Amino acid sequence: DDTENIMYLQMNSLEPEDTAVYYCAADPTAYGSTYVICRENEYRD
């Protein structure tokens, strides 16, 4: 929600393997229309 500056992760049908510490991250990189990189070292904040 860019107007409220909030991001969400809805998690359904949770499994024991989902147990972890969850982190949100953001980065100013501008991606094209066909992909987004989802690797830890690509996110700054």
ModelCIF file with pLDDT and N, C-alpha, C, O atoms, coordinates in Angstrom:
data_MODEL
#
_entry.id   MODEL 
#
_entity.id                         1 
_entity.type                       polymer 
_entity.pdbx_number_of_molecules   1 
#
_entity_poly.entity_id                      1 
_entity_poly.type                           'polypeptide(L)' 
_entity_poly.nstd_linkage                   no 
_entity_poly.nstd_monomer                   no 
_entity_poly.pdbx_seq_one_letter_code       DDTENIMYLQMNSLEPEDTAVYYCAADPTAYGSTYVICRENEYRD 
_entity_poly.pdbx_seq_one_letter_code_can   DDTENIMYLQMNSLEPEDTAVYYCAADPTAYGSTYVICRENEYRD 
_entity_poly.pdbx_strand_id                 A 
#
loop_
_entity_poly_seq.entity_id 
_entity_poly_seq.num 
_entity_poly_seq.mon_id 
_entity_poly_seq.hetero 
1 1  ASP n 
1 2  ASP n 
1 3  THR n 
1 4  GLU n 
1 5  ASN n 
1 6  ILE n 
1 7  MET n 
1 8  TYR n 
1 9  LEU n 
1 10 GLN n 
1 11 MET n 
1 12 ASN n 
1 13 SER n 
1 14 LEU n 
1 15 GLU n 
1 16 PRO n 
1 17 GLU n 
1 18 ASP n 
1 19 THR n 
1 20 ALA n 
1 21 VAL n 
1 22 TYR n 
1 23 TYR n 
1 24 CYS n 
1 25 ALA n 
1 26 ALA n 
1 27 ASP n 
1 28 PRO n 
1 29 THR n 
1 30 ALA n 
1 31 TYR n 
1 32 GLY n 
1 33 SER n 
1 34 THR n 
1 35 TYR n 
1 36 VAL n 
1 37 ILE n 
1 38 CYS n 
1 39 ARG n 
1 40 GLU n 
1 41 ASN n 
1 42 GLU n 
1 43 TYR n 
1 44 ARG n 
1 45 ASP n 
#
_struct_asym.id          A 
_struct_asym.entity_id   1 
#
loop_
_ma_qa_metric.id 
_ma_qa_metric.mode 
_ma_qa_metric.name 
_ma_qa_metric.software_group_id 
_ma_qa_metric.type 
1 global pLDDT . pLDDT 
2 local  pLDDT . pLDDT 
#
_ma_qa_metric_global.metric_id      1 
_ma_qa_metric_global.metric_value   93.69 
_ma_qa_metric_global.model_id       1 
_ma_qa_metric_global.ordinal_id     1 
#
loop_
_ma_qa_metric_local.label_asym_id 
_ma_qa_metric_local.label_comp_id 
_ma_qa_metric_local.label_seq_id 
_ma_qa_metric_local.metric_id 
_ma_qa_metric_local.metric_value 
_ma_qa_metric_local.model_id 
_ma_qa_metric_local.ordinal_id 
A ASP 1  2 94.00 1 1  
A ASP 2  2 91.00 1 2  
A THR 3  2 93.00 1 3  
A GLU 4  2 95.00 1 4  
A ASN 5  2 95.00 1 5  
A ILE 6  2 97.00 1 6  
A MET 7  2 96.00 1 7  
A TYR 8  2 98.00 1 8  
A LEU 9  2 98.00 1 9  
A GLN 10 2 98.00 1 10 
A MET 11 2 98.00 1 11 
A ASN 12 2 98.00 1 12 
A SER 13 2 98.00 1 13 
A LEU 14 2 98.00 1 14 
A GLU 15 2 98.00 1 15 
A PRO 16 2 97.00 1 16 
A GLU 17 2 97.00 1 17 
A ASP 18 2 98.00 1 18 
A THR 19 2 98.00 1 19 
A ALA 20 2 98.00 1 20 
A VAL 21 2 98.00 1 21 
A TYR 22 2 98.00 1 22 
A TYR 23 2 98.00 1 23 
A CYS 24 2 98.00 1 24 
A ALA 25 2 97.00 1 25 
A ALA 26 2 96.00 1 26 
A ASP 27 2 95.00 1 27 
A PRO 28 2 92.00 1 28 
A THR 29 2 87.00 1 29 
A ALA 30 2 78.00 1 30 
A TYR 31 2 79.00 1 31 
A GLY 32 2 73.00 1 32 
A SER 33 2 76.00 1 33 
A THR 34 2 83.00 1 34 
A TYR 35 2 88.00 1 35 
A VAL 36 2 92.00 1 36 
A ILE 37 2 93.00 1 37 
A CYS 38 2 96.00 1 38 
A ARG 39 2 95.00 1 39 
A GLU 40 2 95.00 1 40 
A ASN 41 2 95.00 1 41 
A GLU 42 2 94.00 1 42 
A TYR 43 2 96.00 1 43 
A ARG 44 2 95.00 1 44 
A ASP 45 2 96.00 1 45 
#
loop_
_atom_site.group_PDB 
_atom_site.id 
_atom_site.type_symbol 
_atom_site.label_atom_id 
_atom_site.label_alt_id 
_atom_site.label_comp_id 
_atom_site.label_asym_id 
_atom_site.label_entity_id 
_atom_site.label_seq_id 
_atom_site.pdbx_PDB_ins_code 
_atom_site.Cartn_x 
_atom_site.Cartn_y 
_atom_site.Cartn_z 
_atom_site.occupancy 
_atom_site.B_iso_or_equiv 
_atom_site.pdbx_formal_charge 
_atom_site.auth_seq_id 
_atom_site.auth_comp_id 
_atom_site.auth_asym_id 
_atom_site.auth_atom_id 
_atom_site.pdbx_PDB_model_num 
ATOM 1   N N  . ASP A 1 1  ? 0.879  -1.168  0.000   1.00 94.00 ? 1  ASP A N  1 
ATOM 2   C CA . ASP A 1 1  ? 0.000  0.000   0.000   1.00 94.00 ? 1  ASP A CA 1 
ATOM 3   C C  . ASP A 1 1  ? 0.915  1.216   0.000   1.00 94.00 ? 1  ASP A C  1 
ATOM 4   O O  . ASP A 1 1  ? 1.394  1.658   1.044   1.00 94.00 ? 1  ASP A O  1 
ATOM 5   N N  . ASP A 1 2  ? 1.143  1.740   -1.185  1.00 91.00 ? 2  ASP A N  1 
ATOM 6   C CA . ASP A 1 2  ? 2.108  2.826   -1.315  1.00 91.00 ? 2  ASP A CA 1 
ATOM 7   C C  . ASP A 1 2  ? 1.592  4.131   -0.716  1.00 91.00 ? 2  ASP A C  1 
ATOM 8   O O  . ASP A 1 2  ? 2.387  5.020   -0.410  1.00 91.00 ? 2  ASP A O  1 
ATOM 9   N N  . THR A 1 3  ? 0.292  4.262   -0.547  1.00 93.00 ? 3  THR A N  1 
ATOM 10  C CA . THR A 1 3  ? -0.231 5.489   0.058   1.00 93.00 ? 3  THR A CA 1 
ATOM 11  C C  . THR A 1 3  ? -0.021 5.492   1.570   1.00 93.00 ? 3  THR A C  1 
ATOM 12  O O  . THR A 1 3  ? 0.163  6.540   2.188   1.00 93.00 ? 3  THR A O  1 
ATOM 13  N N  . GLU A 1 4  ? -0.052 4.288   2.151   1.00 95.00 ? 4  GLU A N  1 
ATOM 14  C CA . GLU A 1 4  ? 0.159  4.171   3.591   1.00 95.00 ? 4  GLU A CA 1 
ATOM 15  C C  . GLU A 1 4  ? 1.581  3.758   3.942   1.00 95.00 ? 4  GLU A C  1 
ATOM 16  O O  . GLU A 1 4  ? 1.934  3.677   5.119   1.00 95.00 ? 4  GLU A O  1 
ATOM 17  N N  . ASN A 1 5  ? 2.393  3.498   2.932   1.00 95.00 ? 5  ASN A N  1 
ATOM 18  C CA . ASN A 1 5  ? 3.783  3.070   3.143   1.00 95.00 ? 5  ASN A CA 1 
ATOM 19  C C  . ASN A 1 5  ? 3.887  1.804   3.982   1.00 95.00 ? 5  ASN A C  1 
ATOM 20  O O  . ASN A 1 5  ? 4.706  1.706   4.896   1.00 95.00 ? 5  ASN A O  1 
ATOM 21  N N  . ILE A 1 6  ? 3.046  0.845   3.650   1.00 97.00 ? 6  ILE A N  1 
ATOM 22  C CA . ILE A 1 6  ? 3.040  -0.437  4.355   1.00 97.00 ? 6  ILE A CA 1 
ATOM 23  C C  . ILE A 1 6  ? 3.085  -1.557  3.324   1.00 97.00 ? 6  ILE A C  1 
ATOM 24  O O  . ILE A 1 6  ? 2.478  -1.459  2.257   1.00 97.00 ? 6  ILE A O  1 
ATOM 25  N N  . MET A 1 7  ? 3.799  -2.604  3.650   1.00 96.00 ? 7  MET A N  1 
ATOM 26  C CA . MET A 1 7  ? 3.828  -3.792  2.822   1.00 96.00 ? 7  MET A CA 1 
ATOM 27  C C  . MET A 1 7  ? 3.357  -4.972  3.660   1.00 96.00 ? 7  MET A C  1 
ATOM 28  O O  . MET A 1 7  ? 3.478  -4.978  4.885   1.00 96.00 ? 7  MET A O  1 
ATOM 29  N N  . TYR A 1 8  ? 2.815  -5.973  2.966   1.00 98.00 ? 8  TYR A N  1 
ATOM 30  C CA . TYR A 1 8  ? 2.209  -7.108  3.652   1.00 98.00 ? 8  TYR A CA 1 
ATOM 31  C C  . TYR A 1 8  ? 2.689  -8.434  3.062   1.00 98.00 ? 8  TYR A C  1 
ATOM 32  O O  . TYR A 1 8  ? 3.122  -8.519  1.913   1.00 98.00 ? 8  TYR A O  1 
ATOM 33  N N  . LEU A 1 9  ? 2.592  -9.455  3.896   1.00 98.00 ? 9  LEU A N  1 
ATOM 34  C CA . LEU A 1 9  ? 2.764  -10.822 3.413   1.00 98.00 ? 9  LEU A CA 1 
ATOM 35  C C  . LEU A 1 9  ? 1.660  -11.658 4.042   1.00 98.00 ? 9  LEU A C  1 
ATOM 36  O O  . LEU A 1 9  ? 1.698  -11.954 5.236   1.00 98.00 ? 9  LEU A O  1 
ATOM 37  N N  . GLN A 1 10 ? 0.682  -12.035 3.236   1.00 98.00 ? 10 GLN A N  1 
ATOM 38  C CA . GLN A 1 10 ? -0.382 -12.911 3.693   1.00 98.00 ? 10 GLN A CA 1 
ATOM 39  C C  . GLN A 1 10 ? 0.084  -14.351 3.543   1.00 98.00 ? 10 GLN A C  1 
ATOM 40  O O  . GLN A 1 10 ? 0.452  -14.785 2.451   1.00 98.00 ? 10 GLN A O  1 
ATOM 41  N N  . MET A 1 11 ? 0.065  -15.078 4.637   1.00 98.00 ? 11 MET A N  1 
ATOM 42  C CA . MET A 1 11 ? 0.566  -16.455 4.631   1.00 98.00 ? 11 MET A CA 1 
ATOM 43  C C  . MET A 1 11 ? -0.569 -17.396 5.017   1.00 98.00 ? 11 MET A C  1 
ATOM 44  O O  . MET A 1 11 ? -1.090 -17.328 6.130   1.00 98.00 ? 11 MET A O  1 
ATOM 45  N N  . ASN A 1 12 ? -0.943 -18.261 4.105   1.00 98.00 ? 12 ASN A N  1 
ATOM 46  C CA . ASN A 1 12 ? -2.008 -19.234 4.329   1.00 98.00 ? 12 ASN A CA 1 
ATOM 47  C C  . ASN A 1 12 ? -1.450 -20.652 4.287   1.00 98.00 ? 12 ASN A C  1 
ATOM 48  O O  . ASN A 1 12 ? -0.341 -20.880 3.804   1.00 98.00 ? 12 ASN A O  1 
ATOM 49  N N  . SER A 1 13 ? -2.215 -21.583 4.787   1.00 98.00 ? 13 SER A N  1 
ATOM 50  C CA . SER A 1 13 ? -1.826 -23.003 4.784   1.00 98.00 ? 13 SER A CA 1 
ATOM 51  C C  . SER A 1 13 ? -0.405 -23.184 5.298   1.00 98.00 ? 13 SER A C  1 
ATOM 52  O O  . SER A 1 13 ? 0.416  -23.858 4.677   1.00 98.00 ? 13 SER A O  1 
ATOM 53  N N  . LEU A 1 14 ? -0.135 -22.578 6.427   1.00 98.00 ? 14 LEU A N  1 
ATOM 54  C CA . LEU A 1 14 ? 1.225  -22.597 6.966   1.00 98.00 ? 14 LEU A CA 1 
ATOM 55  C C  . LEU A 1 14 ? 1.654  -24.004 7.351   1.00 98.00 ? 14 LEU A C  1 
ATOM 56  O O  . LEU A 1 14 ? 0.849  -24.819 7.802   1.00 98.00 ? 14 LEU A O  1 
ATOM 57  N N  . GLU A 1 15 ? 2.919  -24.265 7.165   1.00 98.00 ? 15 GLU A N  1 
ATOM 58  C CA . GLU A 1 15 ? 3.518  -25.563 7.440   1.00 98.00 ? 15 GLU A CA 1 
ATOM 59  C C  . GLU A 1 15 ? 4.648  -25.383 8.448   1.00 98.00 ? 15 GLU A C  1 
ATOM 60  O O  . GLU A 1 15 ? 5.211  -24.293 8.557   1.00 98.00 ? 15 GLU A O  1 
ATOM 61  N N  . PRO A 1 16 ? 4.982  -26.436 9.182   1.00 97.00 ? 16 PRO A N  1 
ATOM 62  C CA . PRO A 1 16 ? 6.108  -26.308 10.129  1.00 97.00 ? 16 PRO A CA 1 
ATOM 63  C C  . PRO A 1 16 ? 7.394  -25.821 9.459   1.00 97.00 ? 16 PRO A C  1 
ATOM 64  O O  . PRO A 1 16 ? 8.210  -25.155 10.095  1.00 97.00 ? 16 PRO A O  1 
ATOM 65  N N  . GLU A 1 17 ? 7.577  -26.150 8.182   1.00 97.00 ? 17 GLU A N  1 
ATOM 66  C CA . GLU A 1 17 ? 8.775  -25.721 7.462   1.00 97.00 ? 17 GLU A CA 1 
ATOM 67  C C  . GLU A 1 17 ? 8.812  -24.210 7.221   1.00 97.00 ? 17 GLU A C  1 
ATOM 68  O O  . GLU A 1 17 ? 9.846  -23.675 6.821   1.00 97.00 ? 17 GLU A O  1 
ATOM 69  N N  . ASP A 1 18 ? 7.704  -23.523 7.459   1.00 98.00 ? 18 ASP A N  1 
ATOM 70  C CA . ASP A 1 18 ? 7.667  -22.070 7.321   1.00 98.00 ? 18 ASP A CA 1 
ATOM 71  C C  . ASP A 1 18 ? 8.188  -21.360 8.566   1.00 98.00 ? 18 ASP A C  1 
ATOM 72  O O  . ASP A 1 18 ? 8.318  -20.136 8.572   1.00 98.00 ? 18 ASP A O  1 
ATOM 73  N N  . THR A 1 19 ? 8.483  -22.109 9.604   1.00 98.00 ? 19 THR A N  1 
ATOM 74  C CA . THR A 1 19 ? 8.998  -21.515 10.832  1.00 98.00 ? 19 THR A CA 1 
ATOM 75  C C  . THR A 1 19 ? 10.336 -20.831 10.569  1.00 98.00 ? 19 THR A C  1 
ATOM 76  O O  . THR A 1 19 ? 11.273 -21.449 10.065  1.00 98.00 ? 19 THR A O  1 
ATOM 77  N N  . ALA A 1 20 ? 10.412 -19.553 10.916  1.00 98.00 ? 20 ALA A N  1 
ATOM 78  C CA . ALA A 1 20 ? 11.616 -18.773 10.650  1.00 98.00 ? 20 ALA A CA 1 
ATOM 79  C C  . ALA A 1 20 ? 11.413 -17.365 11.202  1.00 98.00 ? 20 ALA A C  1 
ATOM 80  O O  . ALA A 1 20 ? 10.316 -16.988 11.614  1.00 98.00 ? 20 ALA A O  1 
ATOM 81  N N  . VAL A 1 21 ? 12.497 -16.606 11.196  1.00 98.00 ? 21 VAL A N  1 
ATOM 82  C CA . VAL A 1 21 ? 12.388 -15.160 11.403  1.00 98.00 ? 21 VAL A CA 1 
ATOM 83  C C  . VAL A 1 21 ? 12.171 -14.541 10.023  1.00 98.00 ? 21 VAL A C  1 
ATOM 84  O O  . VAL A 1 21 ? 12.931 -14.791 9.088   1.00 98.00 ? 21 VAL A O  1 
ATOM 85  N N  . TYR A 1 22 ? 11.130 -13.736 9.917   1.00 98.00 ? 22 TYR A N  1 
ATOM 86  C CA . TYR A 1 22 ? 10.776 -13.097 8.653   1.00 98.00 ? 22 TYR A CA 1 
ATOM 87  C C  . TYR A 1 22 ? 11.202 -11.631 8.678   1.00 98.00 ? 22 TYR A C  1 
ATOM 88  O O  . TYR A 1 22 ? 10.970 -10.909 9.647   1.00 98.00 ? 22 TYR A O  1 
ATOM 89  N N  . TYR A 1 23 ? 11.830 -11.218 7.585   1.00 98.00 ? 23 TYR A N  1 
ATOM 90  C CA . TYR A 1 23 ? 12.326 -9.853  7.454   1.00 98.00 ? 23 TYR A CA 1 
ATOM 91  C C  . TYR A 1 23 ? 11.700 -9.186  6.233   1.00 98.00 ? 23 TYR A C  1 
ATOM 92  O O  . TYR A 1 23 ? 11.509 -9.824  5.197   1.00 98.00 ? 23 TYR A O  1 
ATOM 93  N N  . CYS A 1 24 ? 11.387 -7.908  6.361   1.00 98.00 ? 24 CYS A N  1 
ATOM 94  C CA . CYS A 1 24 ? 11.023 -7.138  5.178   1.00 98.00 ? 24 CYS A CA 1 
ATOM 95  C C  . CYS A 1 24 ? 12.237 -6.324  4.753   1.00 98.00 ? 24 CYS A C  1 
ATOM 96  O O  . CYS A 1 24 ? 13.090 -5.977  5.569   1.00 98.00 ? 24 CYS A O  1 
ATOM 97  N N  . ALA A 1 25 ? 12.296 -6.028  3.463   1.00 97.00 ? 25 ALA A N  1 
ATOM 98  C CA . ALA A 1 25 ? 13.432 -5.308  2.910   1.00 97.00 ? 25 ALA A CA 1 
ATOM 99  C C  . ALA A 1 25 ? 12.971 -4.450  1.746   1.00 97.00 ? 25 ALA A C  1 
ATOM 100 O O  . ALA A 1 25 ? 11.929 -4.698  1.140   1.00 97.00 ? 25 ALA A O  1 
ATOM 101 N N  . ALA A 1 26 ? 13.775 -3.430  1.447   1.00 96.00 ? 26 ALA A N  1 
ATOM 102 C CA . ALA A 1 26 ? 13.443 -2.525  0.356   1.00 96.00 ? 26 ALA A CA 1 
ATOM 103 C C  . ALA A 1 26 ? 14.714 -2.057  -0.328  1.00 96.00 ? 26 ALA A C  1 
ATOM 104 O O  . ALA A 1 26 ? 15.782 -1.990  0.281   1.00 96.00 ? 26 ALA A O  1 
ATOM 105 N N  . ASP A 1 27 ? 14.576 -1.737  -1.604  1.00 95.00 ? 27 ASP A N  1 
ATOM 106 C CA . ASP A 1 27 ? 15.735 -1.260  -2.362  1.00 95.00 ? 27 ASP A CA 1 
ATOM 107 C C  . ASP A 1 27 ? 15.265 -0.362  -3.498  1.00 95.00 ? 27 ASP A C  1 
ATOM 108 O O  . ASP A 1 27 ? 14.237 -0.646  -4.112  1.00 95.00 ? 27 ASP A O  1 
ATOM 109 N N  . PRO A 1 28 ? 15.993 0.716   -3.796  1.00 92.00 ? 28 PRO A N  1 
ATOM 110 C CA . PRO A 1 28 ? 15.554 1.652   -4.822  1.00 92.00 ? 28 PRO A CA 1 
ATOM 111 C C  . PRO A 1 28 ? 15.815 1.198   -6.261  1.00 92.00 ? 28 PRO A C  1 
ATOM 112 O O  . PRO A 1 28 ? 15.542 1.955   -7.192  1.00 92.00 ? 28 PRO A O  1 
ATOM 113 N N  . THR A 1 29 ? 16.327 0.004   -6.466  1.00 87.00 ? 29 THR A N  1 
ATOM 114 C CA . THR A 1 29 ? 16.573 -0.471  -7.824  1.00 87.00 ? 29 THR A CA 1 
ATOM 115 C C  . THR A 1 29 ? 15.282 -0.478  -8.633  1.00 87.00 ? 29 THR A C  1 
ATOM 116 O O  . THR A 1 29 ? 14.247 -0.962  -8.174  1.00 87.00 ? 29 THR A O  1 
ATOM 117 N N  . ALA A 1 30 ? 15.360 0.068   -9.850  1.00 78.00 ? 30 ALA A N  1 
ATOM 118 C CA . ALA A 1 30 ? 14.204 0.079   -10.748 1.00 78.00 ? 30 ALA A CA 1 
ATOM 119 C C  . ALA A 1 30 ? 14.287 -1.121  -11.690 1.00 78.00 ? 30 ALA A C  1 
ATOM 120 O O  . ALA A 1 30 ? 15.207 -1.214  -12.503 1.00 78.00 ? 30 ALA A O  1 
ATOM 121 N N  . TYR A 1 31 ? 13.333 -2.030  -11.579 1.00 79.00 ? 31 TYR A N  1 
ATOM 122 C CA . TYR A 1 31 ? 13.321 -3.213  -12.414 1.00 79.00 ? 31 TYR A CA 1 
ATOM 123 C C  . TYR A 1 31 ? 12.447 -3.004  -13.650 1.00 79.00 ? 31 TYR A C  1 
ATOM 124 O O  . TYR A 1 31 ? 11.563 -2.148  -13.677 1.00 79.00 ? 31 TYR A O  1 
ATOM 125 N N  . GLY A 1 32 ? 12.720 -3.800  -14.650 1.00 73.00 ? 32 GLY A N  1 
ATOM 126 C CA . GLY A 1 32 ? 11.885 -3.782  -15.841 1.00 73.00 ? 32 GLY A CA 1 
ATOM 127 C C  . GLY A 1 32 ? 10.565 -4.480  -15.596 1.00 73.00 ? 32 GLY A C  1 
ATOM 128 O O  . GLY A 1 32 ? 10.232 -4.823  -14.462 1.00 73.00 ? 32 GLY A O  1 
ATOM 129 N N  . SER A 1 33 ? 9.828  -4.687  -16.648 1.00 76.00 ? 33 SER A N  1 
ATOM 130 C CA . SER A 1 33 ? 8.479  -5.213  -16.512 1.00 76.00 ? 33 SER A CA 1 
ATOM 131 C C  . SER A 1 33 ? 8.413  -6.721  -16.379 1.00 76.00 ? 33 SER A C  1 
ATOM 132 O O  . SER A 1 33 ? 7.356  -7.267  -16.064 1.00 76.00 ? 33 SER A O  1 
ATOM 133 N N  . THR A 1 34 ? 9.530  -7.408  -16.614 1.00 83.00 ? 34 THR A N  1 
ATOM 134 C CA . THR A 1 34 ? 9.454  -8.868  -16.703 1.00 83.00 ? 34 THR A CA 1 
ATOM 135 C C  . THR A 1 34 ? 10.072 -9.608  -15.525 1.00 83.00 ? 34 THR A C  1 
ATOM 136 O O  . THR A 1 34 ? 9.953  -10.831 -15.449 1.00 83.00 ? 34 THR A O  1 
ATOM 137 N N  . TYR A 1 35 ? 10.721 -8.916  -14.612 1.00 88.00 ? 35 TYR A N  1 
ATOM 138 C CA . TYR A 1 35 ? 11.384 -9.641  -13.546 1.00 88.00 ? 35 TYR A CA 1 
ATOM 139 C C  . TYR A 1 35 ? 11.609 -8.746  -12.340 1.00 88.00 ? 35 TYR A C  1 
ATOM 140 O O  . TYR A 1 35 ? 11.576 -7.519  -12.434 1.00 88.00 ? 35 TYR A O  1 
ATOM 141 N N  . VAL A 1 36 ? 11.837 -9.389  -11.210 1.00 92.00 ? 36 VAL A N  1 
ATOM 142 C CA . VAL A 1 36 ? 12.324 -8.712  -10.009 1.00 92.00 ? 36 VAL A CA 1 
ATOM 143 C C  . VAL A 1 36 ? 13.279 -9.681  -9.329  1.00 92.00 ? 36 VAL A C  1 
ATOM 144 O O  . VAL A 1 36 ? 13.004 -10.879 -9.258  1.00 92.00 ? 36 VAL A O  1 
ATOM 145 N N  . ILE A 1 37 ? 14.378 -9.180  -8.838  1.00 93.00 ? 37 ILE A N  1 
ATOM 146 C CA . ILE A 1 37 ? 15.364 -10.020 -8.173  1.00 93.00 ? 37 ILE A CA 1 
ATOM 147 C C  . ILE A 1 37 ? 15.005 -10.119 -6.704  1.00 93.00 ? 37 ILE A C  1 
ATOM 148 O O  . ILE A 1 37 ? 14.671 -9.121  -6.065  1.00 93.00 ? 37 ILE A O  1 
ATOM 149 N N  . CYS A 1 38 ? 15.075 -11.310 -6.182  1.00 96.00 ? 38 CYS A N  1 
ATOM 150 C CA . CYS A 1 38 ? 14.680 -11.550 -4.793  1.00 96.00 ? 38 CYS A CA 1 
ATOM 151 C C  . CYS A 1 38 ? 15.822 -12.242 -4.051  1.00 96.00 ? 38 CYS A C  1 
ATOM 152 O O  . CYS A 1 38 ? 15.646 -13.319 -3.481  1.00 96.00 ? 38 CYS A O  1 
ATOM 153 N N  . ARG A 1 39 ? 16.964 -11.622 -4.067  1.00 95.00 ? 39 ARG A N  1 
ATOM 154 C CA . ARG A 1 39 ? 18.135 -12.149 -3.357  1.00 95.00 ? 39 ARG A CA 1 
ATOM 155 C C  . ARG A 1 39 ? 18.558 -11.158 -2.288  1.00 95.00 ? 39 ARG A C  1 
ATOM 156 O O  . ARG A 1 39 ? 18.466 -9.945  -2.473  1.00 95.00 ? 39 ARG A O  1 
ATOM 157 N N  . GLU A 1 40 ? 19.016 -11.686 -1.183  1.00 95.00 ? 40 GLU A N  1 
ATOM 158 C CA . GLU A 1 40 ? 19.344 -10.865 -0.017  1.00 95.00 ? 40 GLU A CA 1 
ATOM 159 C C  . GLU A 1 40 ? 20.302 -9.728  -0.365  1.00 95.00 ? 40 GLU A C  1 
ATOM 160 O O  . GLU A 1 40 ? 20.095 -8.597  0.073   1.00 95.00 ? 40 GLU A O  1 
ATOM 161 N N  . ASN A 1 41 ? 21.331 -10.004 -1.133  1.00 95.00 ? 41 ASN A N  1 
ATOM 162 C CA . ASN A 1 41 ? 22.355 -8.989  -1.371  1.00 95.00 ? 41 ASN A CA 1 
ATOM 163 C C  . ASN A 1 41 ? 21.905 -7.889  -2.328  1.00 95.00 ? 41 ASN A C  1 
ATOM 164 O O  . ASN A 1 41 ? 22.658 -6.952  -2.592  1.00 95.00 ? 41 ASN A O  1 
ATOM 165 N N  . GLU A 1 42 ? 20.693 -7.996  -2.845  1.00 94.00 ? 42 GLU A N  1 
ATOM 166 C CA . GLU A 1 42 ? 20.170 -6.968  -3.735  1.00 94.00 ? 42 GLU A CA 1 
ATOM 167 C C  . GLU A 1 42 ? 19.333 -5.928  -2.992  1.00 94.00 ? 42 GLU A C  1 
ATOM 168 O O  . GLU A 1 42 ? 18.865 -4.967  -3.604  1.00 94.00 ? 42 GLU A O  1 
ATOM 169 N N  . TYR A 1 43 ? 19.138 -6.102  -1.695  1.00 96.00 ? 43 TYR A N  1 
ATOM 170 C CA . TYR A 1 43 ? 18.262 -5.211  -0.942  1.00 96.00 ? 43 TYR A CA 1 
ATOM 171 C C  . TYR A 1 43 ? 19.054 -4.451  0.106   1.00 96.00 ? 43 TYR A C  1 
ATOM 172 O O  . TYR A 1 43 ? 19.827 -5.033  0.867   1.00 96.00 ? 43 TYR A O  1 
ATOM 173 N N  . ARG A 1 44 ? 18.851 -3.164  0.133   1.00 95.00 ? 44 ARG A N  1 
ATOM 174 C CA . ARG A 1 44 ? 19.675 -2.278  0.944   1.00 95.00 ? 44 ARG A CA 1 
ATOM 175 C C  . ARG A 1 44 ? 19.155 -2.072  2.350   1.00 95.00 ? 44 ARG A C  1 
ATOM 176 O O  . ARG A 1 44 ? 19.932 -2.075  3.304   1.00 95.00 ? 44 ARG A O  1 
ATOM 177 N N  . ASP A 1 45 ? 17.853 -1.893  2.494   1.00 96.00 ? 45 ASP A N  1 
ATOM 178 C CA . ASP A 1 45 ? 17.275 -1.514  3.780   1.00 96.00 ? 45 ASP A CA 1 
ATOM 179 C C  . ASP A 1 45 ? 16.454 -2.668  4.350   1.00 96.00 ? 45 ASP A C  1 
ATOM 180 O O  . ASP A 1 45 ? 15.884 -2.544  5.433   1.00 96.00 ? 45 ASP A O  1 
#
